[in-house]
């Protein structure tokens, strides 16, 4: 039995879909949004409440561990130990072992807890998600045809979460991945100017990249309701991206899945409808 946490999230949902294609027995963990998929047993779990995880992990062989609130993931490790989970596949962060930025340090703390537990492990360390174009930048793209960011001219080898899901499904079901950590990237490193150009072509309207300072970027996150810790983490990510450490392209996606990773151009075409002004009007 494979347990997928964050099963309604941007990565977990794709992991779930890929495992279903493979016919694997799956149990899904959700936090708030319900999940109704045939042949998938669903459990509502809270990483801060061990009593919600214990029955969910019973009989589980492999645990896919992912959460937006990374710092709470450590709470799942002793519960997984007690339940007899044989391996944890953790969704981590790009080059987390270097601990060069706040989010990377959060993830590395969880990785260490897993390593210390004695449970077999595999760490997936993806670069920034292409889907952030929708979840983080989507409002300003739909309403103002603009991307506001303090990333300057940094090149980033963005990855599509669909590729992360494919990698996770392979790692969860094939031998040879225990004790390994994989940095995962897309096929090319791009600037925001280049991304704006790709969006312009896919959406059929001019999208511009507006350069702002770190402080303005931080205040934009605060205006969305983000707590100080989260806003500071996003600013720190941009500081890290500007160092160039997020520009390398790795071959791990193709080596593990047998397929080349999705390009940003393809992502833009596939998700164009999610960035239309009409989409925003329908969801307000």
Protein backbone atom coordinates (compact mmCIF):
# COMPACT_ATOMS: atom_id res chain seq x y z
CA UNK A 1 0.00 0.00 0.00
CA UNK A 2 1.27 3.47 -0.92
CA UNK A 3 0.11 6.49 1.06
CA UNK A 4 0.14 9.88 -0.72
CA UNK A 5 -0.03 12.95 1.51
CA UNK A 6 -1.05 16.26 -0.03
CA UNK A 7 -3.16 14.26 -2.48
CA UNK A 8 -5.14 17.31 -3.63
CA UNK A 9 -2.03 19.50 -4.01
CA UNK A 10 -0.16 20.60 -7.11
CA UNK A 11 2.28 17.67 -6.86
CA UNK A 12 0.39 15.07 -4.83
CA UNK A 13 -2.54 15.10 -7.24
CA UNK A 14 -0.23 14.17 -10.12
CA UNK A 15 1.49 11.48 -8.04
CA UNK A 16 -1.95 10.02 -7.37
CA UNK A 17 -2.91 10.07 -11.06
CA UNK A 18 0.33 8.38 -12.11
CA UNK A 19 0.01 5.65 -9.48
CA UNK A 20 -3.57 4.98 -10.56
CA UNK A 21 -2.33 4.42 -14.13
CA UNK A 22 0.06 1.83 -12.75
CA UNK A 23 -2.72 0.06 -10.87
CA UNK A 24 -1.07 0.48 -7.48
CA UNK A 25 -3.12 0.20 -4.25
CA UNK A 26 -3.28 3.76 -2.93
CA UNK A 27 -4.42 5.50 0.20
CA UNK A 28 -4.69 9.29 0.01
CA UNK A 29 -4.18 11.88 2.72
CA UNK A 30 -5.99 15.21 2.55
CA UNK A 31 -6.05 18.17 4.91
CA UNK A 32 -9.19 20.09 4.03
CA UNK A 33 -10.39 19.56 0.46
CA UNK A 34 -12.30 16.27 0.01
CA UNK A 35 -11.14 13.62 -2.41
CA UNK A 36 -13.57 11.40 -4.29
CA UNK A 37 -11.77 9.03 -6.65
CA UNK A 38 -12.79 5.46 -7.35
CA UNK A 39 -10.52 2.83 -5.80
CA UNK A 40 -8.69 5.38 -3.63
CA UNK A 41 -9.17 5.23 0.13
CA UNK A 42 -9.11 8.76 1.53
CA UNK A 43 -8.08 9.88 5.04
CA UNK A 44 -8.23 13.36 6.52
CA UNK A 45 -4.92 13.89 8.30
CA UNK A 46 -3.30 16.71 10.23
CA UNK A 47 0.48 16.66 10.73
CA UNK A 48 -0.03 18.34 14.10
CA UNK A 49 -2.39 15.59 15.29
CA UNK A 50 -0.68 12.17 15.40
CA UNK A 51 -3.99 10.50 16.18
CA UNK A 52 -5.17 11.36 12.64
CA UNK A 53 -2.08 9.82 11.04
CA UNK A 54 -1.75 6.56 12.98
CA UNK A 55 -4.79 4.76 11.50
CA UNK A 56 -4.07 6.22 8.06
CA UNK A 57 -0.52 4.80 8.00
CA UNK A 58 -1.50 1.32 9.17
CA UNK A 59 -0.45 -1.29 6.58
CA UNK A 60 1.39 1.31 4.46
CA UNK A 61 4.62 0.22 2.75
CA UNK A 62 5.71 3.50 1.13
CA UNK A 63 4.82 7.01 2.23
CA UNK A 64 4.94 9.99 -0.15
CA UNK A 65 5.48 12.95 2.16
CA UNK A 66 4.55 16.44 0.96
CA UNK A 67 3.06 19.48 2.64
CA UNK A 68 2.91 23.23 2.04
CA UNK A 69 3.70 23.64 5.76
CA UNK A 70 7.04 21.87 5.50
CA UNK A 71 8.03 22.45 9.12
CA UNK A 72 5.18 20.19 10.30
CA UNK A 73 6.24 17.17 8.24
CA UNK A 74 8.64 15.97 10.93
CA UNK A 75 5.62 15.01 13.05
CA UNK A 76 4.76 12.27 10.55
CA UNK A 77 8.12 10.49 10.92
CA UNK A 78 7.66 8.84 14.36
CA UNK A 79 4.11 7.88 13.43
CA UNK A 80 5.42 6.23 10.26
CA UNK A 81 8.04 4.42 12.37
CA UNK A 82 5.40 3.09 14.74
CA UNK A 83 3.18 2.00 11.84
CA UNK A 84 6.00 0.04 10.21
CA UNK A 85 6.31 2.17 7.06
CA UNK A 86 9.24 0.78 5.08
CA UNK A 87 10.22 3.87 3.08
CA UNK A 88 9.49 7.59 2.91
CA UNK A 89 9.71 9.40 -0.43
CA UNK A 90 9.88 13.05 0.54
CA UNK A 91 9.12 16.00 -1.70
CA UNK A 92 11.96 18.33 -0.77
CA UNK A 93 13.54 21.44 -2.30
CA UNK A 94 16.18 22.10 -4.94
CA UNK A 95 19.69 21.45 -3.56
CA UNK A 96 18.30 21.24 -0.02
CA UNK A 97 21.52 19.62 1.19
CA UNK A 98 23.30 22.97 0.74
CA UNK A 99 20.84 24.73 3.10
CA UNK A 100 21.51 27.92 1.15
CA UNK A 101 18.04 29.45 1.58
CA UNK A 102 15.29 29.38 4.21
CA UNK A 103 12.96 26.92 2.49
CA UNK A 104 15.89 24.63 1.72
CA UNK A 105 16.79 24.60 5.42
CA UNK A 106 13.21 23.76 6.38
CA UNK A 107 13.25 20.79 4.04
CA UNK A 108 16.71 19.66 5.11
CA UNK A 109 15.54 19.56 8.75
CA UNK A 110 12.82 17.10 7.73
CA UNK A 111 15.26 15.10 5.62
CA UNK A 112 17.54 14.72 8.64
CA UNK A 113 14.65 13.53 10.80
CA UNK A 114 13.85 10.88 8.20
CA UNK A 115 17.50 9.80 7.95
CA UNK A 116 17.76 9.55 11.74
CA UNK A 117 14.58 7.46 11.93
CA UNK A 118 16.15 4.43 10.27
CA UNK A 119 13.36 4.29 7.69
CA UNK A 120 14.58 3.87 4.12
CA UNK A 121 14.26 7.07 2.15
CA UNK A 122 14.35 8.81 -1.22
CA UNK A 123 14.40 12.60 -1.52
CA UNK A 124 12.98 14.44 -4.54
CA UNK A 125 14.40 17.96 -4.79
CA UNK A 126 12.60 19.82 -7.58
CA UNK A 127 13.46 23.31 -8.75
CA UNK A 128 10.80 26.05 -8.84
CA UNK A 129 7.47 24.88 -10.26
CA UNK A 130 6.14 26.12 -13.59
CA UNK A 131 2.73 26.02 -11.92
CA UNK A 132 3.80 28.94 -9.72
CA UNK A 133 2.92 30.99 -12.78
CA UNK A 134 -0.69 30.21 -11.93
CA UNK A 135 -0.67 29.94 -8.14
CA UNK A 136 1.73 32.79 -7.34
CA UNK A 137 1.64 35.06 -10.40
CA UNK A 138 -1.80 34.22 -11.73
CA UNK A 139 -3.80 37.13 -10.32
CA UNK A 140 -1.58 39.83 -11.80
CA UNK A 141 -1.32 37.99 -15.12
CA UNK A 142 -5.10 37.69 -15.42
CA UNK A 143 -5.94 41.17 -14.15
CA UNK A 144 -2.97 43.29 -15.26
CA UNK A 145 -1.16 41.19 -17.89
CA UNK A 146 1.92 41.57 -15.69
CA UNK A 147 4.38 39.57 -13.61
CA UNK A 148 5.71 41.48 -10.59
CA UNK A 149 8.90 40.01 -9.15
CA UNK A 150 12.28 40.91 -7.64
CA UNK A 151 14.10 38.00 -9.32
CA UNK A 152 15.82 40.39 -11.79
CA UNK A 153 17.62 38.50 -14.60
CA UNK A 154 18.05 35.20 -12.76
CA UNK A 155 17.84 32.05 -14.85
CA UNK A 156 15.88 29.18 -13.31
CA UNK A 157 15.40 25.66 -14.66
CA UNK A 158 11.69 25.50 -13.79
CA UNK A 159 9.99 22.10 -13.69
CA UNK A 160 6.40 21.11 -14.39
CA UNK A 161 4.71 19.42 -11.41
CA UNK A 162 3.41 16.78 -13.81
CA UNK A 163 7.01 15.67 -14.30
CA UNK A 164 7.56 15.62 -10.54
CA UNK A 165 4.49 13.38 -10.26
CA UNK A 166 5.86 11.02 -12.91
CA UNK A 167 9.21 10.80 -11.17
CA UNK A 168 7.57 10.17 -7.79
CA UNK A 169 5.40 7.36 -9.19
CA UNK A 170 8.45 5.65 -10.71
CA UNK A 171 10.46 6.00 -7.52
CA UNK A 172 7.58 4.66 -5.43
CA UNK A 173 7.09 1.56 -7.59
CA UNK A 174 10.50 0.63 -8.99
CA UNK A 175 13.64 -0.67 -7.24
CA UNK A 176 16.96 1.11 -7.08
CA UNK A 177 16.02 4.47 -5.52
CA UNK A 178 16.48 3.92 -1.79
CA UNK A 179 19.00 6.23 -0.16
CA UNK A 180 19.12 8.55 -3.17
CA UNK A 181 18.37 12.27 -3.52
CA UNK A 182 17.43 13.65 -6.93
CA UNK A 183 17.63 17.30 -8.00
CA UNK A 184 14.87 17.69 -10.59
CA UNK A 185 14.73 20.39 -13.24
CA UNK A 186 13.03 21.22 -16.48
CA UNK A 187 14.90 21.18 -19.82
CA UNK A 188 16.11 24.79 -19.82
CA UNK A 189 16.92 27.74 -17.56
CA UNK A 190 14.79 30.80 -18.24
CA UNK A 191 14.54 34.43 -17.18
CA UNK A 192 11.26 36.11 -16.32
CA UNK A 193 11.56 38.15 -19.51
CA UNK A 194 11.64 34.92 -21.51
CA UNK A 195 8.72 33.50 -19.52
CA UNK A 196 6.70 36.65 -20.22
CA UNK A 197 7.39 36.17 -23.93
CA UNK A 198 6.21 32.57 -23.84
CA UNK A 199 3.05 33.58 -22.01
CA UNK A 200 2.45 36.34 -24.56
CA UNK A 201 2.53 33.80 -27.39
CA UNK A 202 0.36 31.25 -25.60
CA UNK A 203 -2.26 33.70 -24.29
CA UNK A 204 -2.45 35.91 -27.36
CA UNK A 205 -1.99 39.12 -25.38
CA UNK A 206 1.08 41.04 -24.22
CA UNK A 207 2.40 39.91 -20.82
CA UNK A 208 5.13 42.06 -19.28
CA UNK A 209 7.66 41.44 -16.54
CA UNK A 210 7.75 44.29 -14.02
CA UNK A 211 10.92 44.49 -11.94
CA UNK A 212 10.33 45.40 -8.30
CA UNK A 213 12.50 45.52 -5.17
CA UNK A 214 12.64 42.79 -2.53
CA UNK A 215 10.77 45.03 -0.10
CA UNK A 216 7.95 45.70 -2.56
CA UNK A 217 7.82 41.96 -3.29
CA UNK A 218 7.59 41.26 0.43
CA UNK A 219 4.76 43.78 0.84
CA UNK A 220 2.86 42.17 -2.03
CA UNK A 221 2.99 38.87 -0.13
CA UNK A 222 1.85 40.62 3.04
CA UNK A 223 -1.07 42.12 1.13
CA UNK A 224 -2.12 38.57 0.21
CA UNK A 225 -2.30 37.72 3.90
CA UNK A 226 1.02 35.87 4.17
CA UNK A 227 2.57 35.88 7.68
CA UNK A 228 5.99 37.51 8.10
CA UNK A 229 7.80 34.15 8.07
CA UNK A 230 6.30 33.16 4.73
CA UNK A 231 6.84 36.58 3.12
CA UNK A 232 10.46 36.57 4.28
CA UNK A 233 10.94 33.06 2.86
CA UNK A 234 9.71 34.12 -0.58
CA UNK A 235 12.05 37.13 -0.60
CA UNK A 236 14.90 34.83 0.43
CA UNK A 237 14.07 32.48 -2.45
CA UNK A 238 14.55 35.38 -4.87
CA UNK A 239 17.86 36.26 -3.21
CA UNK A 240 18.95 32.66 -3.77
CA UNK A 241 17.72 32.59 -7.39
CA UNK A 242 19.77 35.69 -8.14
CA UNK A 243 22.96 33.82 -7.15
CA UNK A 244 22.54 31.61 -10.22
CA UNK A 245 22.49 28.40 -8.16
CA UNK A 246 19.04 27.54 -9.51
CA UNK A 247 20.03 27.62 -13.18
CA UNK A 248 21.58 24.13 -13.71
CA UNK A 249 19.64 21.62 -15.81
CA UNK A 250 19.71 18.01 -14.59
CA UNK A 251 18.97 14.82 -16.51
CA UNK A 252 17.18 13.03 -13.65
CA UNK A 253 13.63 13.42 -15.01
CA UNK A 254 14.51 11.74 -18.30
CA UNK A 255 16.70 9.09 -16.67
CA UNK A 256 13.99 8.07 -14.21
CA UNK A 257 10.88 8.37 -16.38
CA UNK A 258 12.34 7.66 -19.83
CA UNK A 259 10.79 10.88 -21.17
CA UNK A 260 12.16 14.36 -21.68
CA UNK A 261 10.77 16.93 -19.21
CA UNK A 262 7.98 19.25 -20.29
CA UNK A 263 9.10 22.60 -21.71
CA UNK A 264 7.83 25.93 -20.41
CA UNK A 265 6.37 26.65 -23.86
CA UNK A 266 4.30 23.46 -23.60
CA UNK A 267 3.25 24.31 -20.06
CA UNK A 268 2.03 27.73 -21.22
CA UNK A 269 -0.06 26.18 -23.99
CA UNK A 270 -1.51 23.51 -21.69
CA UNK A 271 -2.51 25.96 -18.94
CA UNK A 272 -3.47 28.99 -21.04
CA UNK A 273 -7.11 28.79 -19.99
CA UNK A 274 -6.15 29.06 -16.31
CA UNK A 275 -4.60 32.48 -17.00
CA UNK A 276 -7.44 34.00 -19.01
CA UNK A 277 -9.26 37.07 -17.64
CA UNK A 278 -12.49 35.07 -17.99
CA UNK A 279 -11.12 32.45 -15.62
CA UNK A 280 -10.64 35.08 -12.94
CA UNK A 281 -14.15 36.41 -13.46
CA UNK A 282 -15.62 32.93 -13.07
CA UNK A 283 -13.77 32.27 -9.78
CA UNK A 284 -14.42 35.58 -8.03
